[in-house]
Amino acid sequence: VLPVLARHDSGRTVRAVLAELDPALAERARTTAGELNLPHVDVRTG
């Protein structure tokens, strides 16, 4: 999801919830969302 949202014309307006139970993977997704400046991405460890 994240690279597509970062590149797509409307991607940065998408409010995305990413649900992932594994804490290491969820942390990686959360970090990447920050690096890609995607403030509307909510990564939930659950």
All heavy atoms as atom14 arrays in JSON, in Angstrom:
{
  "sequence": "VLPVLARHDSGRTVRAVLAELDPALAERARTTAGELNLPHVDVRTG",
  "atom14_mask": [
    [1, 1, 1, 1, 1, 1, 1, 0, 0, 0, 0, 0, 0, 0],
    [1, 1, 1, 1, 1, 1, 1, 1, 0, 0, 0, 0, 0, 0],
    [1, 1, 1, 1, 1, 1, 1, 0, 0, 0, 0, 0, 0, 0],
    [1, 1, 1, 1, 1, 1, 1, 0, 0, 0, 0, 0, 0, 0],
    [1, 1, 1, 1, 1, 1, 1, 1, 0, 0, 0, 0, 0, 0],
    [1, 1, 1, 1, 1, 0, 0, 0, 0, 0, 0, 0, 0, 0],
    [1, 1, 1, 1, 1, 1, 1, 1, 1, 1, 1, 0, 0, 0],
    [1, 1, 1, 1, 1, 1, 1, 1, 1, 1, 0, 0, 0, 0],
    [1, 1, 1, 1, 1, 1, 1, 1, 0, 0, 0, 0, 0, 0],
    [1, 1, 1, 1, 1, 1, 0, 0, 0, 0, 0, 0, 0, 0],
    [1, 1, 1, 1, 0, 0, 0, 0, 0, 0, 0, 0, 0, 0],
    [1, 1, 1, 1, 1, 1, 1, 1, 1, 1, 1, 0, 0, 0],
    [1, 1, 1, 1, 1, 1, 1, 0, 0, 0, 0, 0, 0, 0],
    [1, 1, 1, 1, 1, 1, 1, 0, 0, 0, 0, 0, 0, 0],
    [1, 1, 1, 1, 1, 1, 1, 1, 1, 1, 1, 0, 0, 0],
    [1, 1, 1, 1, 1, 0, 0, 0, 0, 0, 0, 0, 0, 0],
    [1, 1, 1, 1, 1, 1, 1, 0, 0, 0, 0, 0, 0, 0],
    [1, 1, 1, 1, 1, 1, 1, 1, 0, 0, 0, 0, 0, 0],
    [1, 1, 1, 1, 1, 0, 0, 0, 0, 0, 0, 0, 0, 0],
    [1, 1, 1, 1, 1, 1, 1, 1, 1, 0, 0, 0, 0, 0],
    [1, 1, 1, 1, 1, 1, 1, 1, 0, 0, 0, 0, 0, 0],
    [1, 1, 1, 1, 1, 1, 1, 1, 0, 0, 0, 0, 0, 0],
    [1, 1, 1, 1, 1, 1, 1, 0, 0, 0, 0, 0, 0, 0],
    [1, 1, 1, 1, 1, 0, 0, 0, 0, 0, 0, 0, 0, 0],
    [1, 1, 1, 1, 1, 1, 1, 1, 0, 0, 0, 0, 0, 0],
    [1, 1, 1, 1, 1, 0, 0, 0, 0, 0, 0, 0, 0, 0],
    [1, 1, 1, 1, 1, 1, 1, 1, 1, 0, 0, 0, 0, 0],
    [1, 1, 1, 1, 1, 1, 1, 1, 1, 1, 1, 0, 0, 0],
    [1, 1, 1, 1, 1, 0, 0, 0, 0, 0, 0, 0, 0, 0],
    [1, 1, 1, 1, 1, 1, 1, 1, 1, 1, 1, 0, 0, 0],
    [1, 1, 1, 1, 1, 1, 1, 0, 0, 0, 0, 0, 0, 0],
    [1, 1, 1, 1, 1, 1, 1, 0, 0, 0, 0, 0, 0, 0],
    [1, 1, 1, 1, 1, 0, 0, 0, 0, 0, 0, 0, 0, 0],
    [1, 1, 1, 1, 0, 0, 0, 0, 0, 0, 0, 0, 0, 0],
    [1, 1, 1, 1, 1, 1, 1, 1, 1, 0, 0, 0, 0, 0],
    [1, 1, 1, 1, 1, 1, 1, 1, 0, 0, 0, 0, 0, 0],
    [1, 1, 1, 1, 1, 1, 1, 1, 0, 0, 0, 0, 0, 0],
    [1, 1, 1, 1, 1, 1, 1, 1, 0, 0, 0, 0, 0, 0],
    [1, 1, 1, 1, 1, 1, 1, 0, 0, 0, 0, 0, 0, 0],
    [1, 1, 1, 1, 1, 1, 1, 1, 1, 1, 0, 0, 0, 0],
    [1, 1, 1, 1, 1, 1, 1, 0, 0, 0, 0, 0, 0, 0],
    [1, 1, 1, 1, 1, 1, 1, 1, 0, 0, 0, 0, 0, 0],
    [1, 1, 1, 1, 1, 1, 1, 0, 0, 0, 0, 0, 0, 0],
    [1, 1, 1, 1, 1, 1, 1, 1, 1, 1, 1, 0, 0, 0],
    [1, 1, 1, 1, 1, 1, 1, 0, 0, 0, 0, 0, 0, 0],
    [1, 1, 1, 1, 0, 0, 0, 0, 0, 0, 0, 0, 0, 0]
  ],
  "atom14_positions": [
    [[0.8, -1.22, 0.0], [0.0, 0.0, 0.0], [0.84, 1.28, 0.0], [0.59, 2.2, -0.79], [-0.94, 0.0, 1.23], [-1.7, 1.32, 1.35], [-1.91, -1.18, 1.17], [0.0, 0.0, 0.0], [0.0, 0.0, 0.0], [0.0, 0.0, 0.0], [0.0, 0.0, 0.0], [0.0, 0.0, 0.0], [0.0, 0.0, 0.0], [0.0, 0.0, 0.0]],
    [[1.81, 1.37, 0.89], [2.45, 2.65, 1.18], [3.17, 3.27, -0.02], [2.99, 4.48, -0.28], [3.42, 2.48, 2.36], [2.76, 2.03, 3.67], [3.82, 1.84, 4.75], [1.7, 3.02, 4.13], [0.0, 0.0, 0.0], [0.0, 0.0, 0.0], [0.0, 0.0, 0.0], [0.0, 0.0, 0.0], [0.0, 0.0, 0.0], [0.0, 0.0, 0.0]],
    [[3.97, 2.52, -0.8], [4.63, 3.17, -1.94], [3.63, 3.69, -2.97], [3.86, 4.72, -3.61], [5.5, 2.06, -2.53], [5.67, 1.06, -1.43], [4.4, 1.11, -0.65], [0.0, 0.0, 0.0], [0.0, 0.0, 0.0], [0.0, 0.0, 0.0], [0.0, 0.0, 0.0], [0.0, 0.0, 0.0], [0.0, 0.0, 0.0], [0.0, 0.0, 0.0]],
    [[2.49, 2.99, -3.12], [1.48, 3.42, -4.08], [0.84, 4.73, -3.61], [0.66, 5.67, -4.39], [0.42, 2.33, -4.28], [-0.67, 2.82, -5.24], [1.06, 1.06, -4.81], [0.0, 0.0, 0.0], [0.0, 0.0, 0.0], [0.0, 0.0, 0.0], [0.0, 0.0, 0.0], [0.0, 0.0, 0.0], [0.0, 0.0, 0.0], [0.0, 0.0, 0.0]],
    [[0.5, 4.8, -2.33], [-0.09, 6.03, -1.81], [0.88, 7.21, -1.97], [0.47, 8.34, -2.25], [-0.46, 5.87, -0.34], [-1.55, 4.86, 0.0], [-1.89, 4.93, 1.49], [-2.8, 5.07, -0.84], [0.0, 0.0, 0.0], [0.0, 0.0, 0.0], [0.0, 0.0, 0.0], [0.0, 0.0, 0.0], [0.0, 0.0, 0.0], [0.0, 0.0, 0.0]],
    [[2.17, 6.95, -1.78], [3.16, 8.03, -1.88], [3.3, 8.55, -3.3], [3.62, 9.73, -3.51], [4.51, 7.53, -1.37], [0.0, 0.0, 0.0], [0.0, 0.0, 0.0], [0.0, 0.0, 0.0], [0.0, 0.0, 0.0], [0.0, 0.0, 0.0], [0.0, 0.0, 0.0], [0.0, 0.0, 0.0], [0.0, 0.0, 0.0], [0.0, 0.0, 0.0]],
    [[3.06, 7.69, -4.3], [3.27, 8.08, -5.69], [2.01, 8.53, -6.41], [2.08, 9.3, -7.36], [3.89, 6.91, -6.47], [5.31, 6.57, -6.08], [5.95, 5.67, -7.12], [5.28, 4.39, -7.23], [5.67, 3.27, -6.61], [6.69, 3.31, -5.79], [5.03, 2.15, -6.79], [0.0, 0.0, 0.0], [0.0, 0.0, 0.0], [0.0, 0.0, 0.0]],
    [[0.88, 8.04, -5.98], [-0.36, 8.31, -6.7], [-0.82, 9.75, -6.48], [-0.65, 10.31, -5.39], [-1.45, 7.33, -6.25], [-2.62, 7.26, -7.17], [-3.67, 8.17, -7.12], [-2.92, 6.4, -8.18], [-4.56, 7.86, -8.05], [-4.13, 6.79, -8.7], [0.0, 0.0, 0.0], [0.0, 0.0, 0.0], [0.0, 0.0, 0.0], [0.0, 0.0, 0.0]],
    [[-1.43, 10.34, -7.49], [-1.87, 11.74, -7.41], [-2.79, 11.97, -6.22], [-2.72, 13.02, -5.57], [-2.59, 12.15, -8.7], [-1.64, 12.27, -9.88], [-0.42, 12.34, -9.63], [-2.12, 12.29, -11.03], [0.0, 0.0, 0.0], [0.0, 0.0, 0.0], [0.0, 0.0, 0.0], [0.0, 0.0, 0.0], [0.0, 0.0, 0.0], [0.0, 0.0, 0.0]],
    [[-3.68, 11.01, -5.93], [-4.63, 11.18, -4.83], [-4.23, 10.39, -3.58], [-4.98, 10.36, -2.6], [-6.03, 10.73, -5.27], [-6.05, 9.35, -5.56], [0.0, 0.0, 0.0], [0.0, 0.0, 0.0], [0.0, 0.0, 0.0], [0.0, 0.0, 0.0], [0.0, 0.0, 0.0], [0.0, 0.0, 0.0], [0.0, 0.0, 0.0], [0.0, 0.0, 0.0]],
    [[-3.05, 9.77, -3.62], [-2.67, 8.86, -2.54], [-2.54, 9.52, -1.18], [-2.88, 8.93, -0.16], [0.0, 0.0, 0.0], [0.0, 0.0, 0.0], [0.0, 0.0, 0.0], [0.0, 0.0, 0.0], [0.0, 0.0, 0.0], [0.0, 0.0, 0.0], [0.0, 0.0, 0.0], [0.0, 0.0, 0.0], [0.0, 0.0, 0.0], [0.0, 0.0, 0.0]],
    [[-2.06, 10.76, -1.15], [-1.82, 11.41, 0.14], [-3.11, 11.9, 0.8], [-3.09, 12.32, 1.95], [-0.83, 12.57, -0.02], [0.53, 12.07, -0.45], [1.59, 13.15, -0.47], [2.82, 12.63, -1.05], [3.7, 11.9, -0.38], [3.5, 11.63, 0.9], [4.8, 11.46, -0.96], [0.0, 0.0, 0.0], [0.0, 0.0, 0.0], [0.0, 0.0, 0.0]],
    [[-4.22, 11.83, 0.09], [-5.5, 12.18, 0.69], [-6.22, 10.96, 1.25], [-7.26, 11.09, 1.9], [-6.41, 12.88, -0.32], [-6.8, 11.96, -1.34], [-5.7, 14.08, -0.95], [0.0, 0.0, 0.0], [0.0, 0.0, 0.0], [0.0, 0.0, 0.0], [0.0, 0.0, 0.0], [0.0, 0.0, 0.0], [0.0, 0.0, 0.0], [0.0, 0.0, 0.0]],
    [[-5.7, 9.77, 0.98], [-6.34, 8.53, 1.44], [-6.11, 8.37, 2.95], [-4.97, 8.48, 3.43], [-5.78, 7.31, 0.69], [-6.32, 6.02, 1.28], [-6.1, 7.41, -0.79], [0.0, 0.0, 0.0], [0.0, 0.0, 0.0], [0.0, 0.0, 0.0], [0.0, 0.0, 0.0], [0.0, 0.0, 0.0], [0.0, 0.0, 0.0], [0.0, 0.0, 0.0]],
    [[-7.19, 8.11, 3.66], [-7.09, 7.78, 5.09], [-7.06, 6.26, 5.2], [-8.07, 5.6, 4.98], [-8.26, 8.39, 5.85], [-8.23, 9.91, 5.84], [-9.21, 10.53, 6.8], [-9.05, 11.98, 6.83], [-8.18, 12.63, 7.58], [-7.38, 11.94, 8.39], [-8.09, 13.94, 7.54], [0.0, 0.0, 0.0], [0.0, 0.0, 0.0], [0.0, 0.0, 0.0]],
    [[-5.88, 5.75, 5.51], [-5.66, 4.31, 5.48], [-5.44, 3.76, 6.87], [-4.71, 4.35, 7.69], [-4.44, 3.99, 4.61], [0.0, 0.0, 0.0], [0.0, 0.0, 0.0], [0.0, 0.0, 0.0], [0.0, 0.0, 0.0], [0.0, 0.0, 0.0], [0.0, 0.0, 0.0], [0.0, 0.0, 0.0], [0.0, 0.0, 0.0], [0.0, 0.0, 0.0]],
    [[-6.06, 2.63, 7.16], [-5.83, 1.88, 8.38], [-5.19, 0.55, 7.98], [-5.78, -0.22, 7.21], [-7.13, 1.63, 9.16], [-6.88, 0.67, 10.31], [-7.69, 2.95, 9.68], [0.0, 0.0, 0.0], [0.0, 0.0, 0.0], [0.0, 0.0, 0.0], [0.0, 0.0, 0.0], [0.0, 0.0, 0.0], [0.0, 0.0, 0.0], [0.0, 0.0, 0.0]],
    [[-3.98, 0.3, 8.46], [-3.26, -0.93, 8.19], [-3.24, -1.75, 9.48], [-2.69, -1.3, 10.49], [-1.83, -0.66, 7.73], [-1.6, -0.32, 6.25], [-2.4, 0.9, 5.82], [-0.12, -0.12, 5.97], [0.0, 0.0, 0.0], [0.0, 0.0, 0.0], [0.0, 0.0, 0.0], [0.0, 0.0, 0.0], [0.0, 0.0, 0.0], [0.0, 0.0, 0.0]],
    [[-3.85, -2.93, 9.46], [-3.92, -3.79, 10.63], [-2.92, -4.93, 10.49], [-2.97, -5.68, 9.52], [-5.33, -4.34, 10.8], [0.0, 0.0, 0.0], [0.0, 0.0, 0.0], [0.0, 0.0, 0.0], [0.0, 0.0, 0.0], [0.0, 0.0, 0.0], [0.0, 0.0, 0.0], [0.0, 0.0, 0.0], [0.0, 0.0, 0.0], [0.0, 0.0, 0.0]],
    [[-2.02, -5.04, 11.45], [-0.98, -6.08, 11.42], [-0.66, -6.52, 12.85], [-0.35, -5.69, 13.7], [0.27, -5.56, 10.73], [1.48, -6.47, 10.82], [1.19, -7.88, 10.3], [0.61, -8.01, 9.21], [1.54, -8.85, 11.02], [0.0, 0.0, 0.0], [0.0, 0.0, 0.0], [0.0, 0.0, 0.0], [0.0, 0.0, 0.0], [0.0, 0.0, 0.0]],
    [[-0.72, -7.82, 13.09], [-0.53, -8.33, 14.43], [0.95, -8.41, 14.83], [1.29, -8.22, 16.0], [-1.17, -9.72, 14.55], [-1.16, -10.39, 15.92], [-1.84, -9.51, 16.96], [-1.83, -11.75, 15.85], [0.0, 0.0, 0.0], [0.0, 0.0, 0.0], [0.0, 0.0, 0.0], [0.0, 0.0, 0.0], [0.0, 0.0, 0.0], [0.0, 0.0, 0.0]],
    [[1.82, -8.7, 13.88], [3.24, -8.83, 14.2], [3.83, -7.46, 14.54], [3.82, -6.56, 13.7], [3.99, -9.44, 13.02], [5.42, -9.79, 13.37], [6.23, -8.85, 13.53], [5.73, -10.98, 13.48], [0.0, 0.0, 0.0], [0.0, 0.0, 0.0], [0.0, 0.0, 0.0], [0.0, 0.0, 0.0], [0.0, 0.0, 0.0], [0.0, 0.0, 0.0]],
    [[4.36, -7.27, 15.74], [4.82, -5.93, 16.14], [6.01, -5.43, 15.34], [6.13, -4.22, 15.11], [5.16, -6.1, 17.63], [5.38, -7.55, 17.82], [4.48, -8.25, 16.84], [0.0, 0.0, 0.0], [0.0, 0.0, 0.0], [0.0, 0.0, 0.0], [0.0, 0.0, 0.0], [0.0, 0.0, 0.0], [0.0, 0.0, 0.0], [0.0, 0.0, 0.0]],
    [[6.89, -6.33, 14.91], [8.05, -5.89, 14.12], [7.61, -5.36, 12.76], [8.09, -4.33, 12.29], [9.04, -7.04, 13.98], [0.0, 0.0, 0.0], [0.0, 0.0, 0.0], [0.0, 0.0, 0.0], [0.0, 0.0, 0.0], [0.0, 0.0, 0.0], [0.0, 0.0, 0.0], [0.0, 0.0, 0.0], [0.0, 0.0, 0.0], [0.0, 0.0, 0.0]],
    [[6.71, -6.09, 12.11], [6.23, -5.64, 10.81], [5.41, -4.37, 10.93], [5.51, -3.46, 10.1], [5.39, -6.75, 10.16], [6.16, -8.01, 9.77], [5.2, -9.08, 9.27], [7.22, -7.7, 8.72], [0.0, 0.0, 0.0], [0.0, 0.0, 0.0], [0.0, 0.0, 0.0], [0.0, 0.0, 0.0], [0.0, 0.0, 0.0], [0.0, 0.0, 0.0]],
    [[4.58, -4.28, 11.97], [3.8, -3.06, 12.17], [4.71, -1.86, 12.4], [4.46, -0.77, 11.87], [2.84, -3.24, 13.35], [0.0, 0.0, 0.0], [0.0, 0.0, 0.0], [0.0, 0.0, 0.0], [0.0, 0.0, 0.0], [0.0, 0.0, 0.0], [0.0, 0.0, 0.0], [0.0, 0.0, 0.0], [0.0, 0.0, 0.0], [0.0, 0.0, 0.0]],
    [[5.78, -2.05, 13.16], [6.71, -0.94, 13.38], [7.37, -0.52, 12.07], [7.55, 0.67, 11.79], [7.78, -1.32, 14.4], [8.73, -0.17, 14.69], [10.0, -0.6, 15.39], [10.39, -1.78, 15.28], [10.63, 0.26, 16.02], [0.0, 0.0, 0.0], [0.0, 0.0, 0.0], [0.0, 0.0, 0.0], [0.0, 0.0, 0.0], [0.0, 0.0, 0.0]],
    [[7.73, -1.5, 11.25], [8.35, -1.2, 9.96], [7.39, -0.39, 9.09], [7.79, 0.58, 8.43], [8.76, -2.5, 9.27], [9.71, -2.31, 8.12], [10.05, -3.64, 7.46], [10.68, -4.57, 8.38], [11.0, -5.82, 8.06], [10.73, -6.28, 6.85], [11.58, -6.6, 8.94], [0.0, 0.0, 0.0], [0.0, 0.0, 0.0], [0.0, 0.0, 0.0]],
    [[6.11, -0.8, 9.07], [5.12, -0.06, 8.27], [4.95, 1.36, 8.81], [4.87, 2.32, 8.04], [3.78, -0.8, 8.3], [0.0, 0.0, 0.0], [0.0, 0.0, 0.0], [0.0, 0.0, 0.0], [0.0, 0.0, 0.0], [0.0, 0.0, 0.0], [0.0, 0.0, 0.0], [0.0, 0.0, 0.0], [0.0, 0.0, 0.0], [0.0, 0.0, 0.0]],
    [[4.91, 1.49, 10.12], [4.72, 2.8, 10.73], [5.91, 3.71, 10.39], [5.73, 4.9, 10.06], [4.58, 2.62, 12.24], [3.85, 3.72, 12.98], [3.6, 3.31, 14.42], [2.57, 2.3, 14.52], [2.76, 1.06, 15.0], [3.96, 0.69, 15.4], [1.76, 0.21, 15.04], [0.0, 0.0, 0.0], [0.0, 0.0, 0.0], [0.0, 0.0, 0.0]],
    [[7.1, 3.18, 10.45], [8.3, 3.95, 10.13], [8.29, 4.37, 8.66], [8.6, 5.52, 8.32], [9.56, 3.13, 10.44], [9.58, 2.82, 11.84], [10.82, 3.9, 10.07], [0.0, 0.0, 0.0], [0.0, 0.0, 0.0], [0.0, 0.0, 0.0], [0.0, 0.0, 0.0], [0.0, 0.0, 0.0], [0.0, 0.0, 0.0], [0.0, 0.0, 0.0]],
    [[7.93, 3.43, 7.78], [7.91, 3.74, 6.35], [6.88, 4.8, 6.03], [7.13, 5.71, 5.22], [7.62, 2.46, 5.54], [8.64, 1.5, 5.82], [7.6, 2.76, 4.05], [0.0, 0.0, 0.0], [0.0, 0.0, 0.0], [0.0, 0.0, 0.0], [0.0, 0.0, 0.0], [0.0, 0.0, 0.0], [0.0, 0.0, 0.0], [0.0, 0.0, 0.0]],
    [[5.7, 4.72, 6.66], [4.68, 5.75, 6.44], [5.21, 7.13, 6.81], [4.95, 8.12, 6.11], [3.42, 5.43, 7.24], [0.0, 0.0, 0.0], [0.0, 0.0, 0.0], [0.0, 0.0, 0.0], [0.0, 0.0, 0.0], [0.0, 0.0, 0.0], [0.0, 0.0, 0.0], [0.0, 0.0, 0.0], [0.0, 0.0, 0.0], [0.0, 0.0, 0.0]],
    [[5.98, 7.21, 7.89], [6.57, 8.48, 8.28], [7.62, 8.94, 7.28], [7.66, 10.13, 6.91], [0.0, 0.0, 0.0], [0.0, 0.0, 0.0], [0.0, 0.0, 0.0], [0.0, 0.0, 0.0], [0.0, 0.0, 0.0], [0.0, 0.0, 0.0], [0.0, 0.0, 0.0], [0.0, 0.0, 0.0], [0.0, 0.0, 0.0], [0.0, 0.0, 0.0]],
    [[8.46, 8.02, 6.82], [9.5, 8.37, 5.86], [8.91, 8.83, 4.53], [9.49, 9.66, 3.83], [10.43, 7.18, 5.65], [11.28, 6.84, 6.87], [12.04, 5.54, 6.71], [11.73, 4.77, 5.78], [12.94, 5.28, 7.53], [0.0, 0.0, 0.0], [0.0, 0.0, 0.0], [0.0, 0.0, 0.0], [0.0, 0.0, 0.0], [0.0, 0.0, 0.0]],
    [[7.74, 8.3, 4.18], [7.09, 8.67, 2.93], [6.14, 9.86, 3.11], [5.46, 10.25, 2.16], [6.31, 7.48, 2.37], [7.16, 6.29, 1.89], [6.26, 5.14, 1.46], [8.07, 6.71, 0.74], [0.0, 0.0, 0.0], [0.0, 0.0, 0.0], [0.0, 0.0, 0.0], [0.0, 0.0, 0.0], [0.0, 0.0, 0.0], [0.0, 0.0, 0.0]],
    [[6.1, 10.42, 4.31], [5.26, 11.59, 4.6], [3.8, 11.3, 4.27], [3.15, 12.0, 3.49], [5.75, 12.81, 3.82], [5.06, 14.1, 4.28], [4.61, 14.2, 5.42], [4.98, 15.07, 3.38], [0.0, 0.0, 0.0], [0.0, 0.0, 0.0], [0.0, 0.0, 0.0], [0.0, 0.0, 0.0], [0.0, 0.0, 0.0], [0.0, 0.0, 0.0]],
    [[3.29, 10.23, 4.89], [1.9, 9.83, 4.72], [1.19, 10.01, 6.07], [0.99, 9.05, 6.81], [1.81, 8.38, 4.24], [2.38, 8.1, 2.84], [2.47, 6.6, 2.59], [1.55, 8.78, 1.76], [0.0, 0.0, 0.0], [0.0, 0.0, 0.0], [0.0, 0.0, 0.0], [0.0, 0.0, 0.0], [0.0, 0.0, 0.0], [0.0, 0.0, 0.0]],
    [[0.78, 11.22, 6.4], [0.25, 11.49, 7.74], [-1.12, 10.88, 7.99], [-1.54, 10.77, 9.15], [0.15, 13.03, 7.77], [0.01, 13.43, 6.33], [0.83, 12.44, 5.57], [0.0, 0.0, 0.0], [0.0, 0.0, 0.0], [0.0, 0.0, 0.0], [0.0, 0.0, 0.0], [0.0, 0.0, 0.0], [0.0, 0.0, 0.0], [0.0, 0.0, 0.0]],
    [[-1.82, 10.46, 6.93], [-3.16, 9.91, 7.12], [-3.16, 8.39, 7.19], [-4.22, 7.77, 7.1], [-4.08, 10.37, 5.99], [-4.21, 11.85, 5.9], [-4.56, 12.64, 6.97], [-4.03, 12.7, 4.84], [-4.59, 13.9, 6.59], [-4.27, 13.97, 5.31], [0.0, 0.0, 0.0], [0.0, 0.0, 0.0], [0.0, 0.0, 0.0], [0.0, 0.0, 0.0]],
    [[-1.98, 7.79, 7.35], [-1.87, 6.34, 7.49], [-1.79, 5.99, 8.97], [-0.94, 6.51, 9.7], [-0.64, 5.79, 6.75], [-0.41, 4.32, 7.09], [-0.81, 5.96, 5.24], [0.0, 0.0, 0.0], [0.0, 0.0, 0.0], [0.0, 0.0, 0.0], [0.0, 0.0, 0.0], [0.0, 0.0, 0.0], [0.0, 0.0, 0.0], [0.0, 0.0, 0.0]],
    [[-2.67, 5.13, 9.41], [-2.74, 4.69, 10.8], [-2.42, 3.2, 10.83], [-3.23, 2.37, 10.41], [-4.15, 4.96, 11.35], [-4.33, 4.51, 12.79], [-3.33, 4.11, 13.42], [-5.48, 4.57, 13.28], [0.0, 0.0, 0.0], [0.0, 0.0, 0.0], [0.0, 0.0, 0.0], [0.0, 0.0, 0.0], [0.0, 0.0, 0.0], [0.0, 0.0, 0.0]],
    [[-1.22, 2.85, 11.3], [-0.82, 1.45, 11.41], [-1.19, 0.95, 12.8], [-0.73, 1.51, 13.8], [0.69, 1.26, 11.15], [1.07, -0.21, 11.27], [1.08, 1.8, 9.78], [0.0, 0.0, 0.0], [0.0, 0.0, 0.0], [0.0, 0.0, 0.0], [0.0, 0.0, 0.0], [0.0, 0.0, 0.0], [0.0, 0.0, 0.0], [0.0, 0.0, 0.0]],
    [[-2.0, -0.09, 12.86], [-2.47, -0.61, 14.14], [-1.92, -2.0, 14.38], [-2.1, -2.9, 13.54], [-4.0, -0.63, 14.16], [-4.6, 0.75, 13.95], [-6.11, 0.75, 13.99], [-6.63, 2.1, 13.74], [-7.92, 2.41, 13.71], [-8.84, 1.47, 13.93], [-8.29, 3.65, 13.48], [0.0, 0.0, 0.0], [0.0, 0.0, 0.0], [0.0, 0.0, 0.0]],
    [[-1.24, -2.18, 15.49], [-0.74, -3.49, 15.86], [-1.89, -4.24, 16.52], [-2.19, -4.03, 17.7], [0.46, -3.37, 16.82], [1.44, -2.51, 16.23], [1.07, -4.74, 17.09], [0.0, 0.0, 0.0], [0.0, 0.0, 0.0], [0.0, 0.0, 0.0], [0.0, 0.0, 0.0], [0.0, 0.0, 0.0], [0.0, 0.0, 0.0], [0.0, 0.0, 0.0]],
    [[-2.54, -5.07, 15.75], [-3.71, -5.76, 16.25], [-4.13, -6.87, 15.32], [-3.62, -7.0, 14.2], [0.0, 0.0, 0.0], [0.0, 0.0, 0.0], [0.0, 0.0, 0.0], [0.0, 0.0, 0.0], [0.0, 0.0, 0.0], [0.0, 0.0, 0.0], [0.0, 0.0, 0.0], [0.0, 0.0, 0.0], [0.0, 0.0, 0.0], [0.0, 0.0, 0.0]]
  ]
}
